[in-house]
Amino acid sequence: MQYSTPTLAFHTAPGSINPLSATAVDLWVDGVCIIDDREAMDASLAVACLMAAYFVYGIAYTLKLKNTLLFMQKYIFDIEESGSKIPNTVLRAYNMLAAE
């Protein structure tokens, strides 16, 4: 497998596409499997490891995932980078969810 950005590979039962029911999760960075977990990692830990990979390796968010990852960075993981501006689309999404 070749991935240019941190990527999670969820191993699910045949016919299942639900990552929450994965039996194992791998984390790939630049074609290298850096976490090859066969049982212990759940979806929430996998996402935390994914975000850590971006920061540890200094990888910029891709345009397709930027708003989603910025939302997770700011509002789920409470990580703020000095001098960075949160896009209005991310702020609107947060405000809409906070209002409910």
N, C-alpha and C. Protein backbone atom coordinates (compact mmCIF):
# COMPACT_ATOMS: atom_id res chain seq x y z
N MET A 1 0.84 -1.20 0.00
CA MET A 1 0.00 0.00 0.00
C MET A 1 0.87 1.25 0.00
N GLN A 2 0.44 2.28 -0.71
CA GLN A 2 1.18 3.54 -0.74
C GLN A 2 0.24 4.67 -0.39
N TYR A 3 0.50 5.35 0.71
CA TYR A 3 -0.29 6.50 1.14
C TYR A 3 0.66 7.66 1.36
N SER A 4 0.31 8.84 0.85
CA SER A 4 1.20 9.98 1.02
C SER A 4 0.90 10.76 2.29
N THR A 5 -0.24 10.51 2.91
CA THR A 5 -0.59 11.16 4.17
C THR A 5 -0.96 10.09 5.18
N PRO A 6 -0.99 10.43 6.46
CA PRO A 6 -1.39 9.43 7.45
C PRO A 6 -2.77 8.86 7.10
N THR A 7 -2.86 7.54 7.12
CA THR A 7 -4.07 6.85 6.71
C THR A 7 -4.36 5.70 7.66
N LEU A 8 -5.61 5.58 8.05
CA LEU A 8 -6.03 4.46 8.88
C LEU A 8 -6.60 3.37 7.98
N ALA A 9 -6.22 2.13 8.26
CA ALA A 9 -6.78 0.98 7.56
C ALA A 9 -7.53 0.14 8.60
N PHE A 10 -8.85 0.13 8.49
CA PHE A 10 -9.68 -0.63 9.42
C PHE A 10 -9.92 -2.02 8.85
N HIS A 11 -9.65 -3.04 9.64
CA HIS A 11 -9.88 -4.42 9.23
C HIS A 11 -11.23 -4.85 9.80
N THR A 12 -12.21 -5.01 8.93
CA THR A 12 -13.55 -5.37 9.36
C THR A 12 -13.90 -6.77 8.88
N ALA A 13 -14.97 -7.29 9.42
CA ALA A 13 -15.45 -8.61 9.00
C ALA A 13 -15.86 -8.55 7.53
N PRO A 14 -15.78 -9.66 6.83
CA PRO A 14 -16.21 -9.68 5.42
C PRO A 14 -17.64 -9.16 5.26
N GLY A 15 -17.81 -8.23 4.35
CA GLY A 15 -19.12 -7.65 4.08
C GLY A 15 -19.45 -6.43 4.93
N SER A 16 -18.65 -6.15 5.96
CA SER A 16 -18.91 -5.00 6.83
C SER A 16 -18.09 -3.80 6.38
N ILE A 17 -18.70 -2.63 6.46
CA ILE A 17 -17.96 -1.39 6.14
C ILE A 17 -17.93 -0.45 7.34
N ASN A 18 -18.37 -0.92 8.49
CA ASN A 18 -18.44 -0.11 9.70
C ASN A 18 -17.09 -0.11 10.42
N PRO A 19 -16.37 1.03 10.43
CA PRO A 19 -15.06 1.06 11.10
C PRO A 19 -15.16 0.85 12.61
N LEU A 20 -16.32 1.12 13.19
CA LEU A 20 -16.47 0.94 14.63
C LEU A 20 -16.50 -0.53 15.02
N SER A 21 -16.72 -1.40 14.05
CA SER A 21 -16.71 -2.83 14.34
C SER A 21 -15.42 -3.49 13.87
N ALA A 22 -14.41 -2.70 13.62
CA ALA A 22 -13.13 -3.24 13.12
C ALA A 22 -12.49 -4.15 14.17
N THR A 23 -11.89 -5.20 13.68
CA THR A 23 -11.18 -6.12 14.56
C THR A 23 -9.72 -5.70 14.74
N ALA A 24 -9.24 -4.83 13.87
CA ALA A 24 -7.88 -4.32 13.96
C ALA A 24 -7.78 -3.03 13.14
N VAL A 25 -6.80 -2.21 13.49
CA VAL A 25 -6.57 -0.94 12.79
C VAL A 25 -5.08 -0.77 12.57
N ASP A 26 -4.70 -0.36 11.36
CA ASP A 26 -3.30 -0.05 11.04
C ASP A 26 -3.20 1.44 10.72
N LEU A 27 -2.04 2.03 11.02
CA LEU A 27 -1.77 3.42 10.66
C LEU A 27 -0.60 3.43 9.69
N TRP A 28 -0.84 3.99 8.51
CA TRP A 28 0.16 4.06 7.46
C TRP A 28 0.59 5.51 7.24
N VAL A 29 1.90 5.72 7.06
CA VAL A 29 2.43 7.04 6.71
C VAL A 29 3.48 6.84 5.62
N ASP A 30 3.27 7.49 4.49
CA ASP A 30 4.19 7.40 3.34
C ASP A 30 4.54 5.97 2.96
N GLY A 31 3.52 5.12 2.91
CA GLY A 31 3.72 3.75 2.48
C GLY A 31 4.30 2.82 3.52
N VAL A 32 4.48 3.31 4.74
CA VAL A 32 5.04 2.48 5.81
C VAL A 32 4.00 2.30 6.89
N CYS A 33 3.77 1.07 7.28
CA CYS A 33 2.83 0.78 8.36
C CYS A 33 3.55 1.05 9.68
N ILE A 34 3.18 2.15 10.36
CA ILE A 34 3.88 2.50 11.60
C ILE A 34 3.17 1.94 12.83
N ILE A 35 1.89 1.63 12.72
CA ILE A 35 1.19 0.92 13.79
C ILE A 35 0.44 -0.24 13.13
N ASP A 36 0.88 -1.42 13.44
CA ASP A 36 0.26 -2.63 12.91
C ASP A 36 -0.39 -3.33 14.08
N ASP A 37 -1.63 -2.99 14.32
CA ASP A 37 -2.33 -3.48 15.50
C ASP A 37 -3.35 -4.52 15.09
N ARG A 38 -3.29 -5.63 15.68
CA ARG A 38 -4.22 -6.69 15.30
C ARG A 38 -5.41 -6.83 16.24
N GLU A 39 -5.39 -6.20 17.41
CA GLU A 39 -6.53 -6.38 18.29
C GLU A 39 -6.78 -5.23 19.27
N ALA A 40 -5.76 -4.57 19.75
CA ALA A 40 -5.93 -3.69 20.91
C ALA A 40 -6.49 -2.30 20.60
N MET A 41 -6.34 -1.78 19.41
CA MET A 41 -6.71 -0.40 19.13
C MET A 41 -8.17 -0.28 18.70
N ASP A 42 -8.91 0.60 19.38
CA ASP A 42 -10.28 0.88 18.96
C ASP A 42 -10.29 2.12 18.07
N ALA A 43 -11.45 2.48 17.56
CA ALA A 43 -11.56 3.59 16.60
C ALA A 43 -11.12 4.92 17.21
N SER A 44 -11.45 5.19 18.46
CA SER A 44 -11.08 6.48 19.06
C SER A 44 -9.57 6.60 19.24
N LEU A 45 -8.91 5.53 19.67
CA LEU A 45 -7.46 5.56 19.80
C LEU A 45 -6.80 5.67 18.42
N ALA A 46 -7.39 5.03 17.42
CA ALA A 46 -6.85 5.11 16.07
C ALA A 46 -6.88 6.54 15.54
N VAL A 47 -7.98 7.25 15.79
CA VAL A 47 -8.08 8.64 15.33
C VAL A 47 -7.08 9.52 16.08
N ALA A 48 -6.90 9.28 17.38
CA ALA A 48 -5.90 10.03 18.15
C ALA A 48 -4.50 9.79 17.60
N CYS A 49 -4.19 8.54 17.24
CA CYS A 49 -2.88 8.24 16.65
C CYS A 49 -2.72 8.89 15.29
N LEU A 50 -3.80 8.94 14.52
CA LEU A 50 -3.78 9.61 13.22
C LEU A 50 -3.41 11.09 13.38
N MET A 51 -4.09 11.76 14.32
CA MET A 51 -3.81 13.18 14.55
C MET A 51 -2.37 13.36 15.05
N ALA A 52 -1.91 12.47 15.92
CA ALA A 52 -0.54 12.56 16.42
C ALA A 52 0.47 12.42 15.29
N ALA A 53 0.17 11.56 14.33
CA ALA A 53 1.09 11.38 13.20
C ALA A 53 1.27 12.67 12.41
N TYR A 54 0.17 13.41 12.22
CA TYR A 54 0.28 14.70 11.52
C TYR A 54 1.23 15.64 12.26
N PHE A 55 1.11 15.69 13.58
CA PHE A 55 1.94 16.61 14.36
C PHE A 55 3.37 16.11 14.52
N VAL A 56 3.56 14.84 14.81
CA VAL A 56 4.90 14.29 15.03
C VAL A 56 5.75 14.40 13.77
N TYR A 57 5.16 14.10 12.62
CA TYR A 57 5.92 14.11 11.37
C TYR A 57 5.81 15.43 10.61
N GLY A 58 5.08 16.40 11.17
CA GLY A 58 4.98 17.72 10.54
C GLY A 58 4.31 17.69 9.19
N ILE A 59 3.28 16.88 9.03
CA ILE A 59 2.59 16.73 7.75
C ILE A 59 1.43 17.71 7.68
N ALA A 60 1.35 18.46 6.59
CA ALA A 60 0.26 19.41 6.40
C ALA A 60 -1.01 18.66 6.02
N TYR A 61 -2.15 19.18 6.46
CA TYR A 61 -3.43 18.58 6.10
C TYR A 61 -3.67 18.73 4.60
N THR A 62 -4.20 17.69 3.97
CA THR A 62 -4.55 17.79 2.56
C THR A 62 -5.80 18.66 2.43
N LEU A 63 -5.99 19.26 1.28
CA LEU A 63 -7.13 20.16 1.08
C LEU A 63 -8.46 19.46 1.29
N LYS A 64 -8.58 18.20 0.83
CA LYS A 64 -9.84 17.48 0.97
C LYS A 64 -10.21 17.22 2.43
N LEU A 65 -9.23 17.06 3.29
CA LEU A 65 -9.49 16.73 4.69
C LEU A 65 -9.26 17.88 5.66
N LYS A 66 -8.79 19.01 5.15
CA LYS A 66 -8.35 20.09 6.02
C LYS A 66 -9.42 20.54 7.01
N ASN A 67 -10.63 20.83 6.56
CA ASN A 67 -11.66 21.33 7.47
C ASN A 67 -12.06 20.29 8.51
N THR A 68 -12.16 19.04 8.09
CA THR A 68 -12.51 17.97 9.03
C THR A 68 -11.42 17.81 10.09
N LEU A 69 -10.17 17.79 9.65
CA LEU A 69 -9.07 17.63 10.60
C LEU A 69 -8.91 18.85 11.50
N LEU A 70 -9.14 20.06 10.95
CA LEU A 70 -9.09 21.26 11.80
C LEU A 70 -10.20 21.25 12.85
N PHE A 71 -11.39 20.78 12.46
CA PHE A 71 -12.48 20.67 13.42
C PHE A 71 -12.09 19.72 14.54
N MET A 72 -11.56 18.55 14.18
CA MET A 72 -11.15 17.58 15.20
C MET A 72 -10.02 18.14 16.06
N GLN A 73 -9.06 18.80 15.44
CA GLN A 73 -7.93 19.36 16.17
C GLN A 73 -8.39 20.37 17.21
N LYS A 74 -9.28 21.27 16.81
CA LYS A 74 -9.70 22.37 17.68
C LYS A 74 -10.74 21.96 18.70
N TYR A 75 -11.76 21.25 18.27
CA TYR A 75 -12.92 21.04 19.14
C TYR A 75 -12.98 19.66 19.80
N ILE A 76 -12.28 18.70 19.27
CA ILE A 76 -12.26 17.38 19.92
C ILE A 76 -10.99 17.21 20.74
N PHE A 77 -9.84 17.56 20.14
CA PHE A 77 -8.57 17.37 20.83
C PHE A 77 -8.08 18.63 21.55
N ASP A 78 -8.77 19.76 21.36
CA ASP A 78 -8.44 21.02 22.02
C ASP A 78 -6.99 21.44 21.79
N ILE A 79 -6.56 21.36 20.53
CA ILE A 79 -5.21 21.76 20.15
C ILE A 79 -5.31 23.04 19.33
N GLU A 80 -4.63 24.08 19.79
CA GLU A 80 -4.61 25.34 19.05
C GLU A 80 -3.18 25.66 18.66
N GLU A 81 -3.00 26.01 17.41
CA GLU A 81 -1.69 26.43 16.95
C GLU A 81 -1.65 27.95 16.90
N SER A 82 -0.60 28.53 17.42
CA SER A 82 -0.51 29.99 17.43
C SER A 82 -0.43 30.51 16.00
N GLY A 83 -1.18 31.55 15.74
CA GLY A 83 -1.16 32.19 14.42
C GLY A 83 -2.04 31.51 13.38
N SER A 84 -2.65 30.38 13.72
CA SER A 84 -3.50 29.72 12.73
C SER A 84 -4.94 30.20 12.89
N LYS A 85 -5.63 30.32 11.77
CA LYS A 85 -7.01 30.79 11.76
C LYS A 85 -7.92 29.63 11.40
N ILE A 86 -8.98 29.47 12.18
CA ILE A 86 -9.95 28.43 11.90
C ILE A 86 -10.89 28.95 10.81
N PRO A 87 -11.06 28.20 9.72
CA PRO A 87 -11.95 28.64 8.63
C PRO A 87 -13.39 28.83 9.10
N ASN A 88 -14.11 29.73 8.46
CA ASN A 88 -15.50 30.01 8.83
C ASN A 88 -16.38 28.78 8.73
N THR A 89 -16.12 27.91 7.75
CA THR A 89 -16.94 26.70 7.62
C THR A 89 -16.81 25.81 8.85
N VAL A 90 -15.62 25.74 9.42
CA VAL A 90 -15.40 24.94 10.63
C VAL A 90 -16.10 25.60 11.82
N LEU A 91 -16.00 26.93 11.93
CA LEU A 91 -16.67 27.65 13.02
C LEU A 91 -18.19 27.49 12.93
N ARG A 92 -18.74 27.57 11.72
CA ARG A 92 -20.18 27.40 11.56
C ARG A 92 -20.63 26.00 11.95
N ALA A 93 -19.85 24.99 11.56
CA ALA A 93 -20.19 23.61 11.91
C ALA A 93 -20.20 23.44 13.41
N TYR A 94 -19.19 24.00 14.07
CA TYR A 94 -19.13 23.90 15.54
C TYR A 94 -20.31 24.61 16.18
N ASN A 95 -20.60 25.82 15.73
CA ASN A 95 -21.69 26.59 16.31
C ASN A 95 -23.05 25.88 16.11
N MET A 96 -23.23 25.25 14.96
CA MET A 96 -24.46 24.53 14.70
C MET A 96 -24.59 23.33 15.65
N LEU A 97 -23.51 22.60 15.85
CA LEU A 97 -23.55 21.45 16.75
C LEU A 97 -23.69 21.87 18.21
N ALA A 98 -23.06 22.98 18.57
CA ALA A 98 -23.14 23.46 19.96
C ALA A 98 -24.53 23.98 20.30
N ALA A 99 -25.26 24.44 19.29
CA ALA A 99 -26.59 25.00 19.53
C ALA A 99 -27.65 23.92 19.81
N GLU A 100 -27.36 22.69 19.40
CA GLU A 100 -28.35 21.62 19.57
C GLU A 100 -28.31 20.98 20.92
